[in-house]
Amino acid sequence: MRKRIRSHVALAMILSVAGTVTFAQSGEATYKAKCAMCHGATGMADTGAGKSMKIRPVNDPDVKKMTREEMITLTTNGKGKMPAFKGKLSDDEIKAAVDHFISLGK
């Protein structure tokens, strides 16, 4: 009986940790999955989609003067051809992806 309880507790702990790892995606991973196809892996908008839509790179002066909050709002609500990620990503995922994008410009 004790062995069975221990194995159930161990299994519950493993599933708990696995669920946390699965749902907690880093900003870099979110950026790669949702943003890099247009904004480029390095934020330079050097992809086919980025070039065709004339997306500004992370080091563009107009992009650099945007605040983090403005970028979060833009990512949440979308702008022009950029889709809104509200309801598709959590607020934390959006913030983490924006933080990663900002870090590419440093």
PDB file of N, CA and C in Angstrom:
ATOM      1  N   MET A   1       0.821  -1.199   0.000  1.00  0.00           N
ATOM      2  CA  MET A   1       0.000   0.000   0.000  1.00  0.00           C
ATOM      3  C   MET A   1       0.865   1.263   0.000  1.00  0.00           C
ATOM      4  N   ARG A   2       1.909   1.294   0.838  1.00  0.00           N
ATOM      5  CA  ARG A   2       2.803   2.447   0.886  1.00  0.00           C
ATOM      6  C   ARG A   2       3.511   2.652  -0.454  1.00  0.00           C
ATOM      7  N   LYS A   3       3.886   1.541  -1.066  1.00  0.00           N
ATOM      8  CA  LYS A   3       4.577   1.606  -2.351  1.00  0.00           C
ATOM      9  C   LYS A   3       3.662   2.242  -3.411  1.00  0.00           C
ATOM     10  N   ARG A   4       2.409   1.871  -3.383  1.00  0.00           N
ATOM     11  CA  ARG A   4       1.448   2.411  -4.335  1.00  0.00           C
ATOM     12  C   ARG A   4       1.260   3.911  -4.119  1.00  0.00           C
ATOM     13  N   ILE A   5       1.170   4.343  -2.879  1.00  0.00           N
ATOM     14  CA  ILE A   5       1.014   5.772  -2.574  1.00  0.00           C
ATOM     15  C   ILE A   5       2.244   6.536  -3.047  1.00  0.00           C
ATOM     16  N   ARG A   6       3.424   6.016  -2.769  1.00  0.00           N
ATOM     17  CA  ARG A   6       4.661   6.666  -3.216  1.00  0.00           C
ATOM     18  C   ARG A   6       4.703   6.785  -4.737  1.00  0.00           C
ATOM     19  N   SER A   7       4.315   5.738  -5.424  1.00  0.00           N
ATOM     20  CA  SER A   7       4.356   5.784  -6.890  1.00  0.00           C
ATOM     21  C   SER A   7       3.338   6.789  -7.431  1.00  0.00           C
ATOM     22  N   HIS A   8       2.175   6.908  -6.789  1.00  0.00           N
ATOM     23  CA  HIS A   8       1.180   7.892  -7.218  1.00  0.00           C
ATOM     24  C   HIS A   8       1.669   9.313  -6.948  1.00  0.00           C
ATOM     25  N   VAL A   9       2.306   9.517  -5.816  1.00  0.00           N
ATOM     26  CA  VAL A   9       2.853  10.839  -5.493  1.00  0.00           C
ATOM     27  C   VAL A   9       3.959  11.191  -6.483  1.00  0.00           C
ATOM     28  N   ALA A  10       4.831  10.238  -6.764  1.00  0.00           N
ATOM     29  CA  ALA A  10       5.915  10.474  -7.720  1.00  0.00           C
ATOM     30  C   ALA A  10       5.350  10.786  -9.104  1.00  0.00           C
ATOM     31  N   LEU A  11       4.354  10.046  -9.528  1.00  0.00           N
ATOM     32  CA  LEU A  11       3.734  10.279 -10.823  1.00  0.00           C
ATOM     33  C   LEU A  11       3.079  11.659 -10.872  1.00  0.00           C
ATOM     34  N   ALA A  12       2.400  12.040  -9.810  1.00  0.00           N
ATOM     35  CA  ALA A  12       1.767  13.359  -9.752  1.00  0.00           C
ATOM     36  C   ALA A  12       2.812  14.464  -9.846  1.00  0.00           C
ATOM     37  N   MET A  13       3.938  14.296  -9.189  1.00  0.00           N
ATOM     38  CA  MET A  13       5.008  15.298  -9.239  1.00  0.00           C
ATOM     39  C   MET A  13       5.586  15.398 -10.652  1.00  0.00           C
ATOM     40  N   ILE A  14       5.803  14.272 -11.287  1.00  0.00           N
ATOM     41  CA  ILE A  14       6.354  14.257 -12.647  1.00  0.00           C
ATOM     42  C   ILE A  14       5.394  14.950 -13.614  1.00  0.00           C
ATOM     43  N   LEU A  15       4.118  14.623 -13.511  1.00  0.00           N
ATOM     44  CA  LEU A  15       3.136  15.257 -14.393  1.00  0.00           C
ATOM     45  C   LEU A  15       3.022  16.752 -14.130  1.00  0.00           C
ATOM     46  N   SER A  16       3.141  17.147 -12.889  1.00  0.00           N
ATOM     47  CA  SER A  16       3.083  18.555 -12.537  1.00  0.00           C
ATOM     48  C   SER A  16       4.241  19.321 -13.165  1.00  0.00           C
ATOM     49  N   VAL A  17       5.434  18.781 -13.049  1.00  0.00           N
ATOM     50  CA  VAL A  17       6.619  19.422 -13.624  1.00  0.00           C
ATOM     51  C   VAL A  17       6.530  19.422 -15.144  1.00  0.00           C
ATOM     52  N   ALA A  18       6.110  18.336 -15.734  1.00  0.00           N
ATOM     53  CA  ALA A  18       5.982  18.245 -17.193  1.00  0.00           C
ATOM     54  C   ALA A  18       4.980  19.269 -17.701  1.00  0.00           C
ATOM     55  N   GLY A  19       3.881  19.462 -17.013  1.00  0.00           N
ATOM     56  CA  GLY A  19       2.891  20.451 -17.411  1.00  0.00           C
ATOM     57  C   GLY A  19       3.432  21.854 -17.336  1.00  0.00           C
ATOM     58  N   THR A  20       4.220  22.143 -16.327  1.00  0.00           N
ATOM     59  CA  THR A  20       4.827  23.455 -16.181  1.00  0.00           C
ATOM     60  C   THR A  20       5.792  23.726 -17.317  1.00  0.00           C
ATOM     61  N   VAL A  21       6.609  22.758 -17.653  1.00  0.00           N
ATOM     62  CA  VAL A  21       7.584  22.918 -18.722  1.00  0.00           C
ATOM     63  C   VAL A  21       6.873  23.103 -20.061  1.00  0.00           C
ATOM     64  N   THR A  22       5.814  22.373 -20.294  1.00  0.00           N
ATOM     65  CA  THR A  22       5.083  22.452 -21.555  1.00  0.00           C
ATOM     66  C   THR A  22       4.406  23.806 -21.731  1.00  0.00           C
ATOM     67  N   PHE A  23       3.803  24.328 -20.679  1.00  0.00           N
ATOM     68  CA  PHE A  23       3.041  25.561 -20.799  1.00  0.00           C
ATOM     69  C   PHE A  23       3.881  26.819 -20.642  1.00  0.00           C
ATOM     70  N   ALA A  24       5.014  26.732 -19.993  1.00  0.00           N
ATOM     71  CA  ALA A  24       5.859  27.899 -19.781  1.00  0.00           C
ATOM     72  C   ALA A  24       6.868  27.996 -20.918  1.00  0.00           C
ATOM     73  N   GLN A  25       6.501  28.747 -21.939  1.00  0.00           N
ATOM     74  CA  GLN A  25       7.371  28.883 -23.095  1.00  0.00           C
ATOM     75  C   GLN A  25       8.176  30.162 -22.943  1.00  0.00           C
ATOM     76  N   SER A  26       9.437  30.099 -23.278  1.00  0.00           N
ATOM     77  CA  SER A  26      10.286  31.272 -23.153  1.00  0.00           C
ATOM     78  C   SER A  26       9.932  32.302 -24.210  1.00  0.00           C
ATOM     79  N   GLY A  27      10.356  33.523 -23.983  1.00  0.00           N
ATOM     80  CA  GLY A  27      10.138  34.581 -24.956  1.00  0.00           C
ATOM     81  C   GLY A  27      10.808  34.267 -26.274  1.00  0.00           C
ATOM     82  N   GLU A  28      11.985  33.678 -26.191  1.00  0.00           N
ATOM     83  CA  GLU A  28      12.711  33.317 -27.412  1.00  0.00           C
ATOM     84  C   GLU A  28      11.935  32.268 -28.208  1.00  0.00           C
ATOM     85  N   ALA A  29      11.410  31.267 -27.525  1.00  0.00           N
ATOM     86  CA  ALA A  29      10.647  30.215 -28.204  1.00  0.00           C
ATOM     87  C   ALA A  29       9.360  30.773 -28.811  1.00  0.00           C
ATOM     88  N   THR A  30       8.675  31.639 -28.078  1.00  0.00           N
ATOM     89  CA  THR A  30       7.458  32.257 -28.597  1.00  0.00           C
ATOM     90  C   THR A  30       7.776  33.116 -29.810  1.00  0.00           C
ATOM     91  N   TYR A  31       8.855  33.908 -29.708  1.00  0.00           N
ATOM     92  CA  TYR A  31       9.275  34.756 -30.829  1.00  0.00           C
ATOM     93  C   TYR A  31       9.578  33.897 -32.056  1.00  0.00           C
ATOM     94  N   LYS A  32      10.335  32.820 -31.860  1.00  0.00           N
ATOM     95  CA  LYS A  32      10.679  31.953 -32.984  1.00  0.00           C
ATOM     96  C   LYS A  32       9.444  31.334 -33.617  1.00  0.00           C
ATOM     97  N   ALA A  33       8.477  30.946 -32.788  1.00  0.00           N
ATOM     98  CA  ALA A  33       7.282  30.276 -33.286  1.00  0.00           C
ATOM     99  C   ALA A  33       6.290  31.233 -33.946  1.00  0.00           C
ATOM    100  N   LYS A  34       6.180  32.451 -33.449  1.00  0.00           N
ATOM    101  CA  LYS A  34       5.111  33.345 -33.897  1.00  0.00           C
ATOM    102  C   LYS A  34       5.578  34.607 -34.615  1.00  0.00           C
ATOM    103  N   CYS A  35       6.826  35.014 -34.439  1.00  0.00           N
ATOM    104  CA  CYS A  35       7.264  36.325 -34.940  1.00  0.00           C
ATOM    105  C   CYS A  35       8.374  36.251 -35.989  1.00  0.00           C
ATOM    106  N   ALA A  36       9.270  35.289 -35.834  1.00  0.00           N
ATOM    107  CA  ALA A  36      10.473  35.237 -36.666  1.00  0.00           C
ATOM    108  C   ALA A  36      10.176  35.060 -38.147  1.00  0.00           C
ATOM    109  N   MET A  37       9.040  34.466 -38.490  1.00  0.00           N
ATOM    110  CA  MET A  37       8.734  34.248 -39.912  1.00  0.00           C
ATOM    111  C   MET A  37       8.642  35.569 -40.670  1.00  0.00           C
ATOM    112  N   CYS A  38       8.279  36.649 -39.992  1.00  0.00           N
ATOM    113  CA  CYS A  38       8.214  37.966 -40.625  1.00  0.00           C
ATOM    114  C   CYS A  38       9.343  38.888 -40.151  1.00  0.00           C
ATOM    115  N   HIS A  39       9.571  38.899 -38.841  1.00  0.00           N
ATOM    116  CA  HIS A  39      10.555  39.815 -38.267  1.00  0.00           C
ATOM    117  C   HIS A  39      11.984  39.287 -38.345  1.00  0.00           C
ATOM    118  N   GLY A  40      12.157  38.019 -38.718  1.00  0.00           N
ATOM    119  CA  GLY A  40      13.488  37.438 -38.857  1.00  0.00           C
ATOM    120  C   GLY A  40      14.026  36.930 -37.531  1.00  0.00           C
ATOM    121  N   ALA A  41      14.894  35.941 -37.610  1.00  0.00           N
ATOM    122  CA  ALA A  41      15.472  35.332 -36.406  1.00  0.00           C
ATOM    123  C   ALA A  41      16.267  36.338 -35.586  1.00  0.00           C
ATOM    124  N   THR A  42      16.843  37.333 -36.254  1.00  0.00           N
ATOM    125  CA  THR A  42      17.661  38.333 -35.556  1.00  0.00           C
ATOM    126  C   THR A  42      16.949  39.678 -35.425  1.00  0.00           C
ATOM    127  N   GLY A  43      15.664  39.726 -35.832  1.00  0.00           N
ATOM    128  CA  GLY A  43      14.907  40.966 -35.734  1.00  0.00           C
ATOM    129  C   GLY A  43      15.162  41.938 -36.873  1.00  0.00           C
ATOM    130  N   MET A  44      15.885  41.497 -37.881  1.00  0.00           N
ATOM    131  CA  MET A  44      16.258  42.385 -38.977  1.00  0.00           C
ATOM    132  C   MET A  44      15.246  42.387 -40.124  1.00  0.00           C
ATOM    133  N   ALA A  45      14.124  41.702 -39.971  1.00  0.00           N
ATOM    134  CA  ALA A  45      13.065  41.647 -40.977  1.00  0.00           C
ATOM    135  C   ALA A  45      13.617  41.240 -42.339  1.00  0.00           C
ATOM    136  N   ASP A  46      14.573  40.314 -42.331  1.00  0.00           N
ATOM    137  CA  ASP A  46      15.257  39.904 -43.550  1.00  0.00           C
ATOM    138  C   ASP A  46      14.672  38.632 -44.161  1.00  0.00           C
ATOM    139  N   THR A  47      13.439  38.331 -43.807  1.00  0.00           N
ATOM    140  CA  THR A  47      12.750  37.176 -44.390  1.00  0.00           C
ATOM    141  C   THR A  47      12.000  37.636 -45.639  1.00  0.00           C
ATOM    142  N   GLY A  48      11.544  36.691 -46.429  1.00  0.00           N
ATOM    143  CA  GLY A  48      10.753  37.042 -47.606  1.00  0.00           C
ATOM    144  C   GLY A  48       9.518  37.842 -47.227  1.00  0.00           C
ATOM    145  N   ALA A  49       8.827  37.381 -46.189  1.00  0.00           N
ATOM    146  CA  ALA A  49       7.622  38.080 -45.732  1.00  0.00           C
ATOM    147  C   ALA A  49       7.974  39.466 -45.198  1.00  0.00           C
ATOM    148  N   GLY A  50       9.047  39.551 -44.435  1.00  0.00           N
ATOM    149  CA  GLY A  50       9.473  40.832 -43.879  1.00  0.00           C
ATOM    150  C   GLY A  50       9.813  41.841 -44.959  1.00  0.00           C
ATOM    151  N   LYS A  51      10.510  41.372 -45.984  1.00  0.00           N
ATOM    152  CA  LYS A  51      10.885  42.262 -47.095  1.00  0.00           C
ATOM    153  C   LYS A  51       9.661  42.687 -47.904  1.00  0.00           C
ATOM    154  N   SER A  52       8.776  41.733 -48.198  1.00  0.00           N
ATOM    155  CA  SER A  52       7.613  42.066 -49.022  1.00  0.00           C
ATOM    156  C   SER A  52       6.639  43.003 -48.311  1.00  0.00           C
ATOM    157  N   MET A  53       6.577  42.900 -46.984  1.00  0.00           N
ATOM    158  CA  MET A  53       5.676  43.778 -46.228  1.00  0.00           C
ATOM    159  C   MET A  53       6.373  45.035 -45.723  1.00  0.00           C
ATOM    160  N   LYS A  54       7.655  45.145 -46.068  1.00  0.00           N
ATOM    161  CA  LYS A  54       8.459  46.314 -45.672  1.00  0.00           C
ATOM    162  C   LYS A  54       8.443  46.541 -44.159  1.00  0.00           C
ATOM    163  N   ILE A  55       8.647  45.445 -43.430  1.00  0.00           N
ATOM    164  CA  ILE A  55       8.704  45.517 -41.972  1.00  0.00           C
ATOM    165  C   ILE A  55      10.015  46.175 -41.567  1.00  0.00           C
ATOM    166  N   ARG A  56       9.938  47.036 -40.596  1.00  0.00           N
ATOM    167  CA  ARG A  56      11.141  47.728 -40.119  1.00  0.00           C
ATOM    168  C   ARG A  56      11.930  46.809 -39.198  1.00  0.00           C
ATOM    169  N   PRO A  57      13.255  46.813 -39.325  1.00  0.00           N
ATOM    170  CA  PRO A  57      14.083  45.980 -38.449  1.00  0.00           C
ATOM    171  C   PRO A  57      14.152  46.545 -37.036  1.00  0.00           C
ATOM    172  N   VAL A  58      14.613  45.713 -36.136  1.00  0.00           N
ATOM    173  CA  VAL A  58      14.698  46.083 -34.725  1.00  0.00           C
ATOM    174  C   VAL A  58      15.605  47.293 -34.492  1.00  0.00           C
ATOM    175  N   ASN A  59      16.561  47.536 -35.373  1.00  0.00           N
ATOM    176  CA  ASN A  59      17.482  48.657 -35.180  1.00  0.00           C
ATOM    177  C   ASN A  59      17.025  49.925 -35.901  1.00  0.00           C
ATOM    178  N   ASP A  60      15.843  49.923 -36.494  1.00  0.00           N
ATOM    179  CA  ASP A  60      15.290  51.112 -37.146  1.00  0.00           C
ATOM    180  C   ASP A  60      14.998  52.165 -36.076  1.00  0.00           C
ATOM    181  N   PRO A  61      15.344  53.428 -36.323  1.00  0.00           N
ATOM    182  CA  PRO A  61      15.116  54.481 -35.315  1.00  0.00           C
ATOM    183  C   PRO A  61      13.664  54.578 -34.836  1.00  0.00           C
ATOM    184  N   ASP A  62      12.702  54.393 -35.760  1.00  0.00           N
ATOM    185  CA  ASP A  62      11.287  54.459 -35.348  1.00  0.00           C
ATOM    186  C   ASP A  62      10.913  53.301 -34.429  1.00  0.00           C
ATOM    187  N   VAL A  63      11.513  52.143 -34.654  1.00  0.00           N
ATOM    188  CA  VAL A  63      11.256  50.980 -33.798  1.00  0.00           C
ATOM    189  C   VAL A  63      11.942  51.193 -32.449  1.00  0.00           C
ATOM    190  N   LYS A  64      13.171  51.685 -32.481  1.00  0.00           N
ATOM    191  CA  LYS A  64      13.931  51.886 -31.241  1.00  0.00           C
ATOM    192  C   LYS A  64      13.268  52.896 -30.305  1.00  0.00           C
ATOM    193  N   LYS A  65      12.561  53.879 -30.862  1.00  0.00           N
ATOM    194  CA  LYS A  65      11.944  54.881 -29.981  1.00  0.00           C
ATOM    195  C   LYS A  65      10.608  54.422 -29.395  1.00  0.00           C
ATOM    196  N   MET A  66      10.097  53.280 -29.860  1.00  0.00           N
ATOM    197  CA  MET A  66       8.865  52.744 -29.274  1.00  0.00           C
ATOM    198  C   MET A  66       9.135  52.228 -27.868  1.00  0.00           C
ATOM    199  N   THR A  67       8.190  52.435 -26.974  1.00  0.00           N
ATOM    200  CA  THR A  67       8.328  51.898 -25.620  1.00  0.00           C
ATOM    201  C   THR A  67       7.934  50.422 -25.621  1.00  0.00           C
ATOM    202  N   ARG A  68       8.325  49.740 -24.587  1.00  0.00           N
ATOM    203  CA  ARG A  68       7.951  48.335 -24.417  1.00  0.00           C
ATOM    204  C   ARG A  68       6.430  48.206 -24.407  1.00  0.00           C
ATOM    205  N   GLU A  69       5.761  49.110 -23.704  1.00  0.00           N
ATOM    206  CA  GLU A  69       4.308  49.063 -23.599  1.00  0.00           C
ATOM    207  C   GLU A  69       3.646  49.258 -24.962  1.00  0.00           C
ATOM    208  N   GLU A  70       4.201  50.153 -25.789  1.00  0.00           N
ATOM    209  CA  GLU A  70       3.656  50.353 -27.132  1.00  0.00           C
ATOM    210  C   GLU A  70       3.798  49.076 -27.964  1.00  0.00           C
ATOM    211  N   MET A  71       4.947  48.418 -27.837  1.00  0.00           N
ATOM    212  CA  MET A  71       5.174  47.175 -28.575  1.00  0.00           C
ATOM    213  C   MET A  71       4.223  46.077 -28.102  1.00  0.00           C
ATOM    214  N   ILE A  72       3.995  46.014 -26.799  1.00  0.00           N
ATOM    215  CA  ILE A  72       3.074  45.013 -26.252  1.00  0.00           C
ATOM    216  C   ILE A  72       1.661  45.268 -26.776  1.00  0.00           C
ATOM    217  N   THR A  73       1.230  46.525 -26.778  1.00  0.00           N
ATOM    218  CA  THR A  73      -0.095  46.880 -27.285  1.00  0.00           C
ATOM    219  C   THR A  73      -0.209  46.539 -28.765  1.00  0.00           C
ATOM    220  N   LEU A  74       0.815  46.870 -29.543  1.00  0.00           N
ATOM    221  CA  LEU A  74       0.811  46.584 -30.973  1.00  0.00           C
ATOM    222  C   LEU A  74       0.739  45.084 -31.227  1.00  0.00           C
ATOM    223  N   THR A  75       1.494  44.314 -30.454  1.00  0.00           N
ATOM    224  CA  THR A  75       1.489  42.859 -30.608  1.00  0.00           C
ATOM    225  C   THR A  75       0.145  42.273 -30.181  1.00  0.00           C
ATOM    226  N   THR A  76      -0.427  42.805 -29.145  1.00  0.00           N
ATOM    227  CA  THR A  76      -1.706  42.321 -28.644  1.00  0.00           C
ATOM    228  C   THR A  76      -2.834  42.600 -29.635  1.00  0.00           C
ATOM    229  N   ASN A  77      -2.886  43.828 -30.151  1.00  0.00           N
ATOM    230  CA  ASN A  77      -4.003  44.254 -30.987  1.00  0.00           C
ATOM    231  C   ASN A  77      -3.742  44.161 -32.491  1.00  0.00           C
ATOM    232  N   GLY A  78      -2.490  44.001 -32.878  1.00  0.00           N
ATOM    233  CA  GLY A  78      -2.136  43.959 -34.287  1.00  0.00           C
ATOM    234  C   GLY A  78      -2.084  45.346 -34.889  1.00  0.00           C
ATOM    235  N   LYS A  79      -1.534  45.421 -36.112  1.00  0.00           N
ATOM    236  CA  LYS A  79      -1.463  46.699 -36.821  1.00  0.00           C
ATOM    237  C   LYS A  79      -1.188  46.402 -38.285  1.00  0.00           C
ATOM    238  N   GLY A  80      -1.961  46.981 -39.152  1.00  0.00           N
ATOM    239  CA  GLY A  80      -1.772  46.740 -40.579  1.00  0.00           C
ATOM    240  C   GLY A  80      -1.894  45.258 -40.888  1.00  0.00           C
ATOM    241  N   LYS A  81      -0.856  44.696 -41.498  1.00  0.00           N
ATOM    242  CA  LYS A  81      -0.872  43.275 -41.862  1.00  0.00           C
ATOM    243  C   LYS A  81      -0.474  42.369 -40.702  1.00  0.00           C
ATOM    244  N   MET A  82       0.020  42.976 -39.625  1.00  0.00           N
ATOM    245  CA  MET A  82       0.395  42.161 -38.458  1.00  0.00           C
ATOM    246  C   MET A  82      -0.868  41.755 -37.708  1.00  0.00           C
ATOM    247  N   PRO A  83      -1.045  40.446 -37.526  1.00  0.00           N
ATOM    248  CA  PRO A  83      -2.258  39.996 -36.833  1.00  0.00           C
ATOM    249  C   PRO A  83      -2.216  40.302 -35.338  1.00  0.00           C
ATOM    250  N   ALA A  84      -3.383  40.376 -34.748  1.00  0.00           N
ATOM    251  CA  ALA A  84      -3.491  40.524 -33.301  1.00  0.00           C
ATOM    252  C   ALA A  84      -3.217  39.166 -32.659  1.00  0.00           C
ATOM    253  N   PHE A  85      -2.474  39.184 -31.566  1.00  0.00           N
ATOM    254  CA  PHE A  85      -2.181  37.939 -30.856  1.00  0.00           C
ATOM    255  C   PHE A  85      -3.004  37.804 -29.577  1.00  0.00           C
ATOM    256  N   LYS A  86      -3.916  38.744 -29.358  1.00  0.00           N
ATOM    257  CA  LYS A  86      -4.835  38.647 -28.219  1.00  0.00           C
ATOM    258  C   LYS A  86      -5.681  37.397 -28.398  1.00  0.00           C
ATOM    259  N   GLY A  87      -5.728  36.567 -27.388  1.00  0.00           N
ATOM    260  CA  GLY A  87      -6.479  35.330 -27.459  1.00  0.00           C
ATOM    261  C   GLY A  87      -5.690  34.176 -28.064  1.00  0.00           C
ATOM    262  N   LYS A  88      -4.602  34.477 -28.743  1.00  0.00           N
ATOM    263  CA  LYS A  88      -3.748  33.437 -29.321  1.00  0.00           C
ATOM    264  C   LYS A  88      -2.548  33.161 -28.423  1.00  0.00           C
ATOM    265  N   LEU A  89      -2.071  34.219 -27.766  1.00  0.00           N
ATOM    266  CA  LEU A  89      -0.970  34.114 -26.803  1.00  0.00           C
ATOM    267  C   LEU A  89      -1.427  34.751 -25.499  1.00  0.00           C
ATOM    268  N   SER A  90      -0.885  34.268 -24.398  1.00  0.00           N
ATOM    269  CA  SER A  90      -1.198  34.889 -23.105  1.00  0.00           C
ATOM    270  C   SER A  90      -0.475  36.230 -23.007  1.00  0.00           C
ATOM    271  N   ASP A  91      -0.905  37.060 -22.073  1.00  0.00           N
ATOM    272  CA  ASP A  91      -0.240  38.344 -21.848  1.00  0.00           C
ATOM    273  C   ASP A  91       1.237  38.134 -21.528  1.00  0.00           C
ATOM    274  N   ASP A  92       1.535  37.118 -20.723  1.00  0.00           N
ATOM    275  CA  ASP A  92       2.925  36.837 -20.360  1.00  0.00           C
ATOM    276  C   ASP A  92       3.751  36.400 -21.570  1.00  0.00           C
ATOM    277  N   GLU A  93       3.151  35.613 -22.464  1.00  0.00           N
ATOM    278  CA  GLU A  93       3.866  35.186 -23.669  1.00  0.00           C
ATOM    279  C   GLU A  93       4.145  36.376 -24.579  1.00  0.00           C
ATOM    280  N   ILE A  94       3.185  37.278 -24.702  1.00  0.00           N
ATOM    281  CA  ILE A  94       3.382  38.475 -25.520  1.00  0.00           C
ATOM    282  C   ILE A  94       4.495  39.328 -24.934  1.00  0.00           C
ATOM    283  N   LYS A  95       4.454  39.554 -23.633  1.00  0.00           N
ATOM    284  CA  LYS A  95       5.496  40.364 -22.983  1.00  0.00           C
ATOM    285  C   LYS A  95       6.869  39.732 -23.159  1.00  0.00           C
ATOM    286  N   ALA A  96       6.952  38.418 -23.002  1.00  0.00           N
ATOM    287  CA  ALA A  96       8.234  37.723 -23.145  1.00  0.00           C
ATOM    288  C   ALA A  96       8.747  37.798 -24.579  1.00  0.00           C
ATOM    289  N   ALA A  97       7.861  37.667 -25.566  1.00  0.00           N
ATOM    290  CA  ALA A  97       8.267  37.760 -26.966  1.00  0.00           C
ATOM    291  C   ALA A  97       8.743  39.178 -27.302  1.00  0.00           C
ATOM    292  N   VAL A  98       8.044  40.183 -26.780  1.00  0.00           N
ATOM    293  CA  VAL A  98       8.455  41.578 -26.988  1.00  0.00           C
ATOM    294  C   VAL A  98       9.808  41.817 -26.330  1.00  0.00           C
ATOM    295  N   ASP A  99       9.991  41.319 -25.128  1.00  0.00           N
ATOM    296  CA  ASP A  99      11.286  41.477 -24.448  1.00  0.00           C
ATOM    297  C   ASP A  99      12.406  40.834 -25.254  1.00  0.00           C
ATOM    298  N   HIS A 100      12.130  39.674 -25.839  1.00  0.00           N
ATOM    299  CA  HIS A 100      13.149  39.021 -26.666  1.00  0.00           C
ATOM    300  C   HIS A 100      13.448  39.873 -27.907  1.00  0.00           C
ATOM    301  N   PHE A 101      12.411  40.382 -28.543  1.00  0.00           N
ATOM    302  CA  PHE A 101      12.603  41.234 -29.718  1.00  0.00           C
ATOM    303  C   PHE A 101      13.456  42.448 -29.363  1.00  0.00           C
ATOM    304  N   ILE A 102      13.143  43.091 -28.251  1.00  0.00           N
ATOM    305  CA  ILE A 102      13.921  44.261 -27.808  1.00  0.00           C
ATOM    306  C   ILE A 102      15.367  43.883 -27.588  1.00  0.00           C
ATOM    307  N   SER A 103      15.605  42.712 -27.000  1.00  0.00           N
ATOM    308  CA  SER A 103      16.982  42.265 -26.722  1.00  0.00           C
ATOM    309  C   SER A 103      17.790  42.064 -28.008  1.00  0.00           C
ATOM    310  N   LEU A 104      17.112  41.781 -29.118  1.00  0.00           N
ATOM    311  CA  LEU A 104      17.817  41.600 -30.391  1.00  0.00           C
ATOM    312  C   LEU A 104      18.419  42.904 -30.890  1.00  0.00           C
ATOM    313  N   GLY A 105      17.857  44.021 -30.464  1.00  0.00           N
ATOM    314  CA  GLY A 105      18.349  45.330 -30.907  1.00  0.00           C
ATOM    315  C   GLY A 105      19.470  45.883 -30.068  1.00  0.00           C
ATOM    316  N   LYS A 106      19.857  45.159 -29.052  1.00  0.00           N
ATOM    317  CA  LYS A 106      20.918  45.674 -28.153  1.00  0.00           C
ATOM    318  C   LYS A 106      22.265  45.143 -28.549  1.00  0.00           C
TER     319      LYS A 106
END
